[in-house]
Structures are given as C-alpha cells and as structure tokens.
C-alpha atoms as a PDB file:
ATOM      1  CA  UNK A   1     101.388 151.079 154.211  1.00  0.00           C
ATOM      2  CA  UNK A   2     100.025 149.685 150.966  1.00  0.00           C
ATOM      3  CA  UNK A   3      97.880 147.195 152.934  1.00  0.00           C
ATOM      4  CA  UNK A   4      99.353 144.171 151.160  1.00  0.00           C
ATOM      5  CA  UNK A   5     100.282 140.719 152.445  1.00  0.00           C
ATOM      6  CA  UNK A   6     103.733 139.174 152.265  1.00  0.00           C
ATOM      7  CA  UNK A   7     102.963 137.136 149.141  1.00  0.00           C
ATOM      8  CA  UNK A   8     101.696 140.031 147.042  1.00  0.00           C
ATOM      9  CA  UNK A   9     102.811 140.253 143.418  1.00  0.00           C
ATOM     10  CA  UNK A  10     104.283 143.253 141.603  1.00  0.00           C
ATOM     11  CA  UNK A  11     100.927 143.820 139.999  1.00  0.00           C
ATOM     12  CA  UNK A  12      99.324 143.941 143.457  1.00  0.00           C
ATOM     13  CA  UNK A  13     101.890 146.559 144.495  1.00  0.00           C
ATOM     14  CA  UNK A  14     101.166 148.669 141.413  1.00  0.00           C
ATOM     15  CA  UNK A  15      97.393 148.497 141.862  1.00  0.00           C
ATOM     16  CA  UNK A  16      97.605 149.423 145.538  1.00  0.00           C
ATOM     17  CA  UNK A  17      99.987 152.320 144.926  1.00  0.00           C
ATOM     18  CA  UNK A  18      97.901 153.612 142.013  1.00  0.00           C
ATOM     19  CA  UNK A  19      94.745 153.704 144.109  1.00  0.00           C
ATOM     20  CA  UNK A  20      96.212 155.089 147.337  1.00  0.00           C
ATOM     21  CA  UNK A  21      98.620 157.624 145.853  1.00  0.00           C
ATOM     22  CA  UNK A  22      95.784 159.214 143.837  1.00  0.00           C
ATOM     23  CA  UNK A  23      93.589 159.272 146.923  1.00  0.00           C
ATOM     24  CA  UNK A  24      96.242 160.779 149.215  1.00  0.00           C
ATOM     25  CA  UNK A  25      97.897 163.172 146.745  1.00  0.00           C
ATOM     26  CA  UNK A  26      98.301 166.524 148.567  1.00  0.00           C
ATOM     27  CA  UNK A  27      96.666 168.375 145.668  1.00  0.00           C
ATOM     28  CA  UNK A  28      93.494 166.416 146.329  1.00  0.00           C
ATOM     29  CA  UNK A  29      93.536 167.064 150.074  1.00  0.00           C
ATOM     30  CA  UNK A  30      94.060 170.830 150.570  1.00  0.00           C
ATOM     31  CA  UNK A  31      92.112 170.834 153.843  1.00  0.00           C
ATOM     32  CA  UNK A  32      94.227 168.007 155.312  1.00  0.00           C
ATOM     33  CA  UNK A  33      97.527 168.910 153.695  1.00  0.00           C
ATOM     34  CA  UNK A  34      99.955 167.855 156.458  1.00  0.00           C
ATOM     35  CA  UNK A  35      98.500 164.389 156.913  1.00  0.00           C
ATOM     36  CA  UNK A  36      98.218 163.826 153.177  1.00  0.00           C
ATOM     37  CA  UNK A  37     101.869 164.836 152.589  1.00  0.00           C
ATOM     38  CA  UNK A  38     103.003 162.437 155.302  1.00  0.00           C
ATOM     39  CA  UNK A  39     100.964 159.531 153.936  1.00  0.00           C
ATOM     40  CA  UNK A  40     101.881 160.400 150.333  1.00  0.00           C
ATOM     41  CA  UNK A  41     105.579 160.049 151.179  1.00  0.00           C
ATOM     42  CA  UNK A  42     105.051 156.794 153.081  1.00  0.00           C
ATOM     43  CA  UNK A  43     103.199 155.345 150.099  1.00  0.00           C
ATOM     44  CA  UNK A  44     106.031 156.356 147.772  1.00  0.00           C
ATOM     45  CA  UNK A  45     108.637 154.789 150.044  1.00  0.00           C
ATOM     46  CA  UNK A  46     106.643 151.557 150.343  1.00  0.00           C
ATOM     47  CA  UNK A  47     106.169 151.398 146.573  1.00  0.00           C
ATOM     48  CA  UNK A  48     109.855 152.079 145.904  1.00  0.00           C
ATOM     49  CA  UNK A  49     110.905 149.195 148.160  1.00  0.00           C
ATOM     50  CA  UNK A  50     108.284 146.621 147.152  1.00  0.00           C
ATOM     51  CA  UNK A  51     108.569 147.262 143.403  1.00  0.00           C
ATOM     52  CA  UNK A  52     112.350 146.770 143.422  1.00  0.00           C
ATOM     53  CA  UNK A  53     113.267 143.039 143.516  1.00  0.00           C
ATOM     54  CA  UNK A  54     116.534 143.597 145.369  1.00  0.00           C
ATOM     55  CA  UNK A  55     115.092 145.946 147.990  1.00  0.00           C
ATOM     56  CA  UNK A  56     112.076 143.711 148.500  1.00  0.00           C
ATOM     57  CA  UNK A  57     114.249 140.613 148.982  1.00  0.00           C
ATOM     58  CA  UNK A  58     116.269 142.451 151.611  1.00  0.00           C
ATOM     59  CA  UNK A  59     113.094 143.711 153.323  1.00  0.00           C
ATOM     60  CA  UNK A  60     111.519 140.246 153.353  1.00  0.00           C
ATOM     61  CA  UNK A  61     114.690 138.692 154.767  1.00  0.00           C
ATOM     62  CA  UNK A  62     115.878 141.317 157.277  1.00  0.00           C
ATOM     63  CA  UNK A  63     112.860 143.563 157.873  1.00  0.00           C
ATOM     64  CA  UNK A  64     112.827 147.359 157.865  1.00  0.00           C
ATOM     65  CA  UNK A  65     115.743 147.611 160.306  1.00  0.00           C
ATOM     66  CA  UNK A  66     118.051 145.421 158.208  1.00  0.00           C
ATOM     67  CA  UNK A  67     116.933 147.119 154.992  1.00  0.00           C
ATOM     68  CA  UNK A  68     117.826 150.600 156.232  1.00  0.00           C
ATOM     69  CA  UNK A  69     120.812 149.836 158.489  1.00  0.00           C
ATOM     70  CA  UNK A  70     122.749 147.754 155.980  1.00  0.00           C
ATOM     71  CA  UNK A  71     125.770 145.615 156.826  1.00  0.00           C
ATOM     72  CA  UNK A  72     127.114 145.722 160.369  1.00  0.00           C
ATOM     73  CA  UNK A  73     130.904 146.196 160.250  1.00  0.00           C
ATOM     74  CA  UNK A  74     131.446 146.742 163.982  1.00  0.00           C
ATOM     75  CA  UNK A  75     129.455 146.902 167.217  1.00  0.00           C
ATOM     76  CA  UNK A  76     128.153 150.393 166.445  1.00  0.00           C
ATOM     77  CA  UNK A  77     128.882 150.918 162.762  1.00  0.00           C
ATOM     78  CA  UNK A  78     126.832 149.904 159.709  1.00  0.00           C
ATOM     79  CA  UNK A  79     127.549 150.309 155.989  1.00  0.00           C
ATOM     80  CA  UNK A  80     125.167 150.475 153.057  1.00  0.00           C
ATOM     81  CA  UNK A  81     121.452 150.146 153.498  1.00  0.00           C
ATOM     82  CA  UNK A  82     118.463 151.771 151.820  1.00  0.00           C
ATOM     83  CA  UNK A  83     117.551 155.396 152.399  1.00  0.00           C
ATOM     84  CA  UNK A  84     114.354 157.006 151.144  1.00  0.00           C
ATOM     85  CA  UNK A  85     115.229 160.167 149.206  1.00  0.00           C
ATOM     86  CA  UNK A  86     111.931 161.963 149.884  1.00  0.00           C
ATOM     87  CA  UNK A  87     111.142 162.006 146.163  1.00  0.00           C
ATOM     88  CA  UNK A  88     107.464 161.107 146.378  1.00  0.00           C
ATOM     89  CA  UNK A  89     106.452 163.448 143.537  1.00  0.00           C
ATOM     90  CA  UNK A  90     109.185 162.089 141.299  1.00  0.00           C
ATOM     91  CA  UNK A  91     108.025 158.508 141.985  1.00  0.00           C
ATOM     92  CA  UNK A  92     104.424 159.546 141.310  1.00  0.00           C
ATOM     93  CA  UNK A  93     105.387 161.142 137.978  1.00  0.00           C
ATOM     94  CA  UNK A  94     107.474 158.146 136.946  1.00  0.00           C
ATOM     95  CA  UNK A  95     104.551 155.842 137.704  1.00  0.00           C
ATOM     96  CA  UNK A  96     101.779 157.850 136.029  1.00  0.00           C
ATOM     97  CA  UNK A  97     103.752 159.766 133.431  1.00  0.00           C
ATOM     98  CA  UNK A  98     102.530 163.102 134.842  1.00  0.00           C
ATOM     99  CA  UNK A  99     102.465 165.025 138.131  1.00  0.00           C
ATOM    100  CA  UNK A 100      98.815 165.997 137.719  1.00  0.00           C
ATOM    101  CA  UNK A 101      96.580 163.802 139.944  1.00  0.00           C
ATOM    102  CA  UNK A 102      93.494 165.043 138.076  1.00  0.00           C
ATOM    103  CA  UNK A 103      94.684 163.849 134.656  1.00  0.00           C
ATOM    104  CA  UNK A 104      92.266 161.908 132.462  1.00  0.00           C
ATOM    105  CA  UNK A 105      95.084 159.447 131.806  1.00  0.00           C
ATOM    106  CA  UNK A 106      94.263 157.699 135.069  1.00  0.00           C
ATOM    107  CA  UNK A 107      91.158 156.255 133.473  1.00  0.00           C
ATOM    108  CA  UNK A 108      93.284 154.031 131.275  1.00  0.00           C
ATOM    109  CA  UNK A 109      93.209 150.290 131.793  1.00  0.00           C
ATOM    110  CA  UNK A 110      95.219 149.106 134.812  1.00  0.00           C
ATOM    111  CA  UNK A 111      97.035 146.539 132.654  1.00  0.00           C
ATOM    112  CA  UNK A 112      98.467 149.370 130.541  1.00  0.00           C
ATOM    113  CA  UNK A 113      99.639 151.190 133.644  1.00  0.00           C
ATOM    114  CA  UNK A 114     101.176 148.020 135.001  1.00  0.00           C
ATOM    115  CA  UNK A 115     102.921 147.282 131.693  1.00  0.00           C
ATOM    116  CA  UNK A 116     104.404 150.782 131.539  1.00  0.00           C
ATOM    117  CA  UNK A 117     105.662 150.603 135.115  1.00  0.00           C
ATOM    118  CA  UNK A 118     107.289 147.218 134.643  1.00  0.00           C
ATOM    119  CA  UNK A 119     109.167 148.460 131.605  1.00  0.00           C
ATOM    120  CA  UNK A 120     111.042 150.844 133.906  1.00  0.00           C
ATOM    121  CA  UNK A 121     111.758 148.216 136.552  1.00  0.00           C
ATOM    122  CA  UNK A 122     114.745 145.924 136.423  1.00  0.00           C
ATOM    123  CA  UNK A 123     113.660 142.566 135.004  1.00  0.00           C
ATOM    124  CA  UNK A 124     114.405 139.469 137.024  1.00  0.00           C
ATOM    125  CA  UNK A 125     116.809 137.034 135.400  1.00  0.00           C
ATOM    126  CA  UNK A 126     115.110 133.901 134.124  1.00  0.00           C
ATOM    127  CA  UNK A 127     117.786 131.548 135.444  1.00  0.00           C
ATOM    128  CA  UNK A 128     117.046 129.886 138.747  1.00  0.00           C
ATOM    129  CA  UNK A 129     120.007 129.187 141.013  1.00  0.00           C
ATOM    130  CA  UNK A 130     121.316 125.683 140.441  1.00  0.00           C
ATOM    131  CA  UNK A 131     120.897 123.066 143.125  1.00  0.00           C
ATOM    132  CA  UNK A 132     124.031 122.629 145.197  1.00  0.00           C
ATOM    133  CA  UNK A 133     125.137 119.026 144.692  1.00  0.00           C
ATOM    134  CA  UNK A 134     127.730 117.549 147.060  1.00  0.00           C
ATOM    135  CA  UNK A 135     128.990 114.010 147.612  1.00  0.00           C
ATOM    136  CA  UNK A 136     129.425 112.244 150.932  1.00  0.00           C
ATOM    137  CA  UNK A 137     131.769 109.264 151.115  1.00  0.00           C
ATOM    138  CA  UNK A 138     130.549 106.363 153.240  1.00  0.00           C
ATOM    139  CA  UNK A 139     132.045 103.010 154.079  1.00  0.00           C
ATOM    140  CA  UNK A 140     129.997  99.865 153.568  1.00  0.00           C
ATOM    141  CA  UNK A 141     129.888  99.471 157.344  1.00  0.00           C
ATOM    142  CA  UNK A 142     128.383 102.960 157.753  1.00  0.00           C
ATOM    143  CA  UNK A 143     125.724 102.177 155.155  1.00  0.00           C
ATOM    144  CA  UNK A 144     124.994  98.837 156.831  1.00  0.00           C
ATOM    145  CA  UNK A 145     124.678 100.181 160.368  1.00  0.00           C
ATOM    146  CA  UNK A 146     123.560 103.771 159.735  1.00  0.00           C
ATOM    147  CA  UNK A 147     125.371 106.779 161.192  1.00  0.00           C
ATOM    148  CA  UNK A 148     125.592 110.569 161.212  1.00  0.00           C
ATOM    149  CA  UNK A 149     128.259 112.293 159.130  1.00  0.00           C
ATOM    150  CA  UNK A 150     129.236 115.908 158.552  1.00  0.00           C
ATOM    151  CA  UNK A 151     129.535 117.134 154.983  1.00  0.00           C
ATOM    152  CA  UNK A 152     131.460 120.359 154.286  1.00  0.00           C
ATOM    153  CA  UNK A 153     130.843 122.404 151.150  1.00  0.00           C
ATOM    154  CA  UNK A 154     130.862 125.925 149.684  1.00  0.00           C
ATOM    155  CA  UNK A 155     127.668 127.803 148.800  1.00  0.00           C
ATOM    156  CA  UNK A 156     126.780 131.182 147.319  1.00  0.00           C
ATOM    157  CA  UNK A 157     125.158 133.547 149.812  1.00  0.00           C
ATOM    158  CA  UNK A 158     123.861 137.105 149.629  1.00  0.00           C
ATOM    159  CA  UNK A 159     125.424 139.970 151.502  1.00  0.00           C
ATOM    160  CA  UNK A 160     123.212 142.305 153.500  1.00  0.00           C
ATOM    161  CA  UNK A 161     122.559 144.437 150.406  1.00  0.00           C
ATOM    162  CA  UNK A 162     120.663 141.400 149.003  1.00  0.00           C
ATOM    163  CA  UNK A 163     122.241 141.736 145.574  1.00  0.00           C
ATOM    164  CA  UNK A 164     125.921 140.889 146.010  1.00  0.00           C
ATOM    165  CA  UNK A 165     126.844 137.219 146.131  1.00  0.00           C
ATOM    166  CA  UNK A 166     129.799 135.797 147.990  1.00  0.00           C
ATOM    167  CA  UNK A 167     130.996 132.272 148.685  1.00  0.00           C
ATOM    168  CA  UNK A 168     131.089 130.780 152.156  1.00  0.00           C
ATOM    169  CA  UNK A 169     132.157 127.420 153.500  1.00  0.00           C
ATOM    170  CA  UNK A 170     129.596 125.658 155.630  1.00  0.00           C
ATOM    171  CA  UNK A 171     128.877 122.203 156.960  1.00  0.00           C
ATOM    172  CA  UNK A 172     125.824 120.083 157.673  1.00  0.00           C
ATOM    173  CA  UNK A 173     125.231 117.039 159.816  1.00  0.00           C
ATOM    174  CA  UNK A 174     123.588 114.374 157.648  1.00  0.00           C
ATOM    175  CA  UNK A 175     121.806 111.286 158.948  1.00  0.00           C
ATOM    176  CA  UNK A 176     122.813 108.182 156.988  1.00  0.00           C
ATOM    177  CA  UNK A 177     120.106 105.570 157.350  1.00  0.00           C
ATOM    178  CA  UNK A 178     120.662 101.836 157.047  1.00  0.00           C
ATOM    179  CA  UNK A 179     120.625 100.631 153.469  1.00  0.00           C
ATOM    180  CA  UNK A 180     121.511 103.878 151.683  1.00  0.00           C
ATOM    181  CA  UNK A 181     123.464 103.323 148.468  1.00  0.00           C
ATOM    182  CA  UNK A 182     125.197 105.174 145.627  1.00  0.00           C
ATOM    183  CA  UNK A 183     121.806 105.985 144.073  1.00  0.00           C
ATOM    184  CA  UNK A 184     120.528 107.706 147.217  1.00  0.00           C
ATOM    185  CA  UNK A 185     119.955 111.455 146.895  1.00  0.00           C
ATOM    186  CA  UNK A 186     119.141 113.452 150.027  1.00  0.00           C
ATOM    187  CA  UNK A 187     117.398 116.739 149.195  1.00  0.00           C
ATOM    188  CA  UNK A 188     117.378 119.614 151.693  1.00  0.00           C
ATOM    189  CA  UNK A 189     115.035 122.302 150.389  1.00  0.00           C
ATOM    190  CA  UNK A 190     116.222 125.898 150.531  1.00  0.00           C
ATOM    191  CA  UNK A 191     119.731 125.084 151.784  1.00  0.00           C
ATOM    192  CA  UNK A 192     121.663 125.511 148.524  1.00  0.00           C
ATOM    193  CA  UNK A 193     122.746 128.656 146.653  1.00  0.00           C
ATOM    194  CA  UNK A 194     121.045 131.975 147.402  1.00  0.00           C
ATOM    195  CA  UNK A 195     119.882 134.360 144.672  1.00  0.00           C
ATOM    196  CA  UNK A 196     118.926 138.068 144.552  1.00  0.00           C
ATOM    197  CA  UNK A 197     115.727 137.249 142.676  1.00  0.00           C
ATOM    198  CA  UNK A 198     114.700 133.677 143.367  1.00  0.00           C
ATOM    199  CA  UNK A 199     114.248 131.412 146.385  1.00  0.00           C
ATOM    200  CA  UNK A 200     117.346 129.626 147.644  1.00  0.00           C
ATOM    201  CA  UNK A 201     118.049 126.434 145.706  1.00  0.00           C
ATOM    202  CA  UNK A 202     118.180 122.969 147.231  1.00  0.00           C
ATOM    203  CA  UNK A 203     121.131 121.156 148.731  1.00  0.00           C
ATOM    204  CA  UNK A 204     121.441 117.665 147.228  1.00  0.00           C
ATOM    205  CA  UNK A 205     123.705 115.177 149.001  1.00  0.00           C
ATOM    206  CA  UNK A 206     124.739 112.110 147.021  1.00  0.00           C
ATOM    207  CA  UNK A 207     126.391 108.984 148.441  1.00  0.00           C
ATOM    208  CA  UNK A 208     129.701 107.524 147.298  1.00  0.00           C
ATOM    209  CA  UNK A 209     130.181 103.981 148.578  1.00  0.00           C
ATOM    210  CA  UNK A 210     133.783 103.125 149.454  1.00  0.00           C
ATOM    211  CA  UNK A 211     135.102  99.651 148.687  1.00  0.00           C
ATOM    212  CA  UNK A 212     135.316  97.204 151.593  1.00  0.00           C
ATOM    213  CA  UNK A 213     138.184  94.781 152.109  1.00  0.00           C
ATOM    214  CA  UNK A 214     135.999  91.795 153.024  1.00  0.00           C
ATOM    215  CA  UNK A 215     132.540  92.363 151.586  1.00  0.00           C
ATOM    216  CA  UNK A 216     131.170  93.529 148.287  1.00  0.00           C
ATOM    217  CA  UNK A 217     127.648  94.706 147.703  1.00  0.00           C
ATOM    218  CA  UNK A 218     125.339  93.364 144.999  1.00  0.00           C
ATOM    219  CA  UNK A 219     122.043  95.185 145.341  1.00  0.00           C
ATOM    220  CA  UNK A 220     120.797  94.314 148.817  1.00  0.00           C
ATOM    221  CA  UNK A 221     122.979  91.207 149.020  1.00  0.00           C
ATOM    222  CA  UNK A 222     126.429  91.073 150.576  1.00  0.00           C
ATOM    223  CA  UNK A 223     129.113  88.769 149.239  1.00  0.00           C
ATOM    224  CA  UNK A 224     131.880  87.452 151.495  1.00  0.00           C
ATOM    225  CA  UNK A 225     134.779  85.516 150.018  1.00  0.00           C
ATOM    226  CA  UNK A 226     136.169  82.896 152.391  1.00  0.00           C
ATOM    227  CA  UNK A 227     139.611  81.491 151.673  1.00  0.00           C
ATOM    228  CA  UNK A 228     140.142  77.839 152.698  1.00  0.00           C
ATOM    229  CA  UNK A 229     143.255  75.711 152.612  1.00  0.00           C
ATOM    230  CA  UNK A 230     142.763  72.476 150.742  1.00  0.00           C
ATOM    231  CA  UNK A 231     142.613  70.379 153.885  1.00  0.00           C
ATOM    232  CA  UNK A 232     139.786  72.483 155.402  1.00  0.00           C
ATOM    233  CA  UNK A 233     137.887  72.303 152.129  1.00  0.00           C
ATOM    234  CA  UNK A 234     138.205  68.533 152.018  1.00  0.00           C
ATOM    235  CA  UNK A 235     137.205  68.048 155.643  1.00  0.00           C
ATOM    236  CA  UNK A 236     134.363  70.627 155.422  1.00  0.00           C
ATOM    237  CA  UNK A 237     135.633  72.668 158.340  1.00  0.00           C
ATOM    238  CA  UNK A 238     133.168  75.329 159.598  1.00  0.00           C
ATOM    239  CA  UNK A 239     133.862  78.934 158.484  1.00  0.00           C
ATOM    240  CA  UNK A 240     133.467  81.957 160.718  1.00  0.00           C
ATOM    241  CA  UNK A 241     132.272  85.258 159.224  1.00  0.00           C
ATOM    242  CA  UNK A 242     132.447  88.546 161.158  1.00  0.00           C
ATOM    243  CA  UNK A 243     129.548  90.679 159.951  1.00  0.00           C
ATOM    244  CA  UNK A 244     129.570  94.448 159.424  1.00  0.00           C
ATOM    245  CA  UNK A 245     127.883  94.899 162.810  1.00  0.00           C
ATOM    246  CA  UNK A 246     130.609  92.781 164.475  1.00  0.00           C
ATOM    247  CA  UNK A 247     128.580  89.590 165.002  1.00  0.00           C
ATOM    248  CA  UNK A 248     130.349  86.304 164.364  1.00  0.00           C
ATOM    249  CA  UNK A 249     128.439  83.793 162.230  1.00  0.00           C
ATOM    250  CA  UNK A 250     129.507  80.177 161.977  1.00  0.00           C
ATOM    251  CA  UNK A 251     128.878  78.648 158.575  1.00  0.00           C
ATOM    252  CA  UNK A 252     128.589  74.861 158.901  1.00  0.00           C
ATOM    253  CA  UNK A 253     129.556  72.796 155.873  1.00  0.00           C
ATOM    254  CA  UNK A 254     128.345  69.230 155.214  1.00  0.00           C
ATOM    255  CA  UNK A 255     130.228  68.422 152.025  1.00  0.00           C
ATOM    256  CA  UNK A 256     133.604  68.840 150.414  1.00  0.00           C
ATOM    257  CA  UNK A 257     134.001  72.444 149.274  1.00  0.00           C
ATOM    258  CA  UNK A 258     134.895  73.188 145.671  1.00  0.00           C
ATOM    259  CA  UNK A 259     136.090  76.465 144.115  1.00  0.00           C
ATOM    260  CA  UNK A 260     132.590  77.452 142.910  1.00  0.00           C
ATOM    261  CA  UNK A 261     130.749  76.474 146.076  1.00  0.00           C
ATOM    262  CA  UNK A 262     128.427  79.067 147.648  1.00  0.00           C
ATOM    263  CA  UNK A 263     126.422  79.218 150.849  1.00  0.00           C
ATOM    264  CA  UNK A 264     123.511  81.651 151.185  1.00  0.00           C
ATOM    265  CA  UNK A 265     122.575  82.998 154.628  1.00  0.00           C
ATOM    266  CA  UNK A 266     119.127  84.505 154.286  1.00  0.00           C
ATOM    267  CA  UNK A 267     118.409  87.853 155.942  1.00  0.00           C
ATOM    268  CA  UNK A 268     122.057  88.636 156.707  1.00  0.00           C
ATOM    269  CA  UNK A 269     122.571  91.098 153.871  1.00  0.00           C
ATOM    270  CA  UNK A 270     122.025  94.864 153.593  1.00  0.00           C
ATOM    271  CA  UNK A 271     118.992  96.435 155.265  1.00  0.00           C
ATOM    272  CA  UNK A 272     116.315  97.885 152.981  1.00  0.00           C
ATOM    273  CA  UNK A 273     112.701  99.021 153.131  1.00  0.00           C
ATOM    274  CA  UNK A 274     111.609  95.602 151.894  1.00  0.00           C
ATOM    275  CA  UNK A 275     113.707  93.724 154.457  1.00  0.00           C
ATOM    276  CA  UNK A 276     117.278  92.554 154.570  1.00  0.00           C
ATOM    277  CA  UNK A 277     119.060  90.973 151.646  1.00  0.00           C
ATOM    278  CA  UNK A 278     121.127  87.805 151.894  1.00  0.00           C
ATOM    279  CA  UNK A 279     124.734  87.113 152.748  1.00  0.00           C
ATOM    280  CA  UNK A 280     126.415  84.979 150.101  1.00  0.00           C
ATOM    281  CA  UNK A 281     129.587  83.175 151.169  1.00  0.00           C
ATOM    282  CA  UNK A 282     131.855  82.278 148.264  1.00  0.00           C
ATOM    283  CA  UNK A 283     134.857  80.016 148.672  1.00  0.00           C
ATOM    284  CA  UNK A 284     138.378  80.267 147.394  1.00  0.00           C
ATOM    285  CA  UNK A 285     140.558  77.149 147.773  1.00  0.00           C
ATOM    286  CA  UNK A 286     144.228  77.646 148.494  1.00  0.00           C
ATOM    287  CA  UNK A 287     146.165  74.708 147.053  1.00  0.00           C
ATOM    288  CA  UNK A 288     149.596  73.717 148.383  1.00  0.00           C
ATOM    289  CA  UNK A 289     152.621  74.470 146.242  1.00  0.00           C
ATOM    290  CA  UNK A 290     154.143  71.046 146.949  1.00  0.00           C
ATOM    291  CA  UNK A 291     152.439  67.707 147.693  1.00  0.00           C
ATOM    292  CA  UNK A 292     154.577  65.058 149.462  1.00  0.00           C
ATOM    293  CA  UNK A 293     153.731  61.355 149.245  1.00  0.00           C
ATOM    294  CA  UNK A 294     151.822  61.760 146.008  1.00  0.00           C
ATOM    295  CA  UNK A 295     151.139  58.042 145.687  1.00  0.00           C
ATOM    296  CA  UNK A 296     149.510  57.918 149.091  1.00  0.00           C
ATOM    297  CA  UNK A 297     147.380  60.959 148.333  1.00  0.00           C
ATOM    298  CA  UNK A 298     146.403  59.572 144.964  1.00  0.00           C
ATOM    299  CA  UNK A 299     145.218  56.326 146.509  1.00  0.00           C
ATOM    300  CA  UNK A 300     143.008  58.291 148.896  1.00  0.00           C
ATOM    301  CA  UNK A 301     141.482  60.593 146.313  1.00  0.00           C
ATOM    302  CA  UNK A 302     140.753  57.966 143.667  1.00  0.00           C
END
C-alpha cells in the first residue's frame, strides 16, 4: 500500500506514509470521502506493521496470512496474530503530532519528522545473535576417506509471533571432505540462532579428530609405527601396512632395522588441496627377554 520494496528502510516507510497519508486524509478529500477513508486506513495499517520491527519480521517471514492468523494450535484453530484496530486517526496524530492535515508543521524538515517518529518506536537491540558453534567428532579414517555425518544441536528459533524465542533440537547432514582437520570450520550462513530484530546467525561446525590406534597425523603426513621382533629386524623382513582405505602396502627393507629407522612412502599420507602427504613408517624393535646360547650369538654379532 505504501508502494515500497521489500528492502525498504524505516526512513523509507516514514517518508512514504507522510506523503500518502497527507494526500489521502479524508479531510482533504470531501468529494471522494468513502475511497479516501478506505485508503487512509490501509495506509495506517501498512505503516503500523512496517514501522514495528517485530510485526515487520513476522510479515516478511510469513506474509499477511501468517501475520494475522498467528500460531496454528490445531487444524482449525489459531492463537495470537496481529489485528488492525482501525485507529488510523490515532496513528496519524502520533506520527505528525496533530490531527490537522492542513497544519503548517508539515513543512518541517523530513529528518525532524523521522527523528520524532523513531523516538516513539521500540529501538532494536544492538547485539547480533551469536553464531551457533557445534563440534563434530570424526575418526582419522573418516577424514582420510571423506564421508557424510549428521550433527545434532539445539538452536534458538522464533515462534509465530516473531518476538518470542524458544529452543529446538535439530540436525544437519554435513559432508566431510578428504583432508579436513581440527582447524576446519564449516560455515552455513543463516542456519544458526534466530532473532526478532536481526538476520539469523550462522551455523559453524568444527571438527574434532579422534585418536587412531595405528596411525597418528602430523600435518598432512601419516605416521605408522611397526613393531618388529629382533629376528625380523636383523633379517630385514618386509613389513605390511594396511592403509586407512584398506589397501595393503608391502614395505621392503634392504638393511638391518634399528630402533630409530624410518621409511617414507611418498604420496601415501593425508589428502589435501596441494596433494597427498607422505606415510612415514617408524620401527619399534621387540627384544627377547631371554637369550639362549649367548656365546654363539656373540660370535655372530661381533
């Protein structure tokens, strides 16, 4: 009715109402009184809704039907909702400070009018709703291979009156791409906490990496600790490593293996945007508790 677009500001609403309500005031249209009264009331109703942050939020979200019907409590019953009181002259007087549409006061600067009107309107709180931060636990295998996981969390949402907040439990399916780590933050815009005055905050999903029994992660490298008995270490027996994607790699050894020996398999580590890291095989030597025929063994090792 005020001929405004969806993104109009409060000042736009005030300017439009000021111009149109003066033009359509019944006292200025005695020869077209019925039409002017009808339009005058529609302008007042539109101004009342669009100048009130809570009513406007509800109107933007649910439309005129949702604004006026309120909360549905059964198939045929609704509670709450906005109802225009038919107080167009009262709204006009509150806006202009007088009921007289011919007053010289209307020549005052529009900024003064706007300032006076805003002083009577509830001021929006300055605080924006905080981002909703949740944590998703992932195994090293899930981060290596990629997967989809469901995260469940609680968020603040508005009731149909668009001013009362309640808490609801919800869930979201999250795609875990190969190579994600504990520093990864997945941001889903407008899926966090709702607010009566501000846009919905963001949902931020962080990753918690669970410890693995066989591998540890060092950046984009994976470290596997292979335990060898002394005899296998001495005879350089090949070592088999089952990767996180269930492949079996055979690590060939061409020298006697000591406790600090390492073998690096290039490109077998964690995936990343820059390519895969390396797989580092460390060795742990298991020594026997008792050595028979010590003299014979000593003659071999010397």
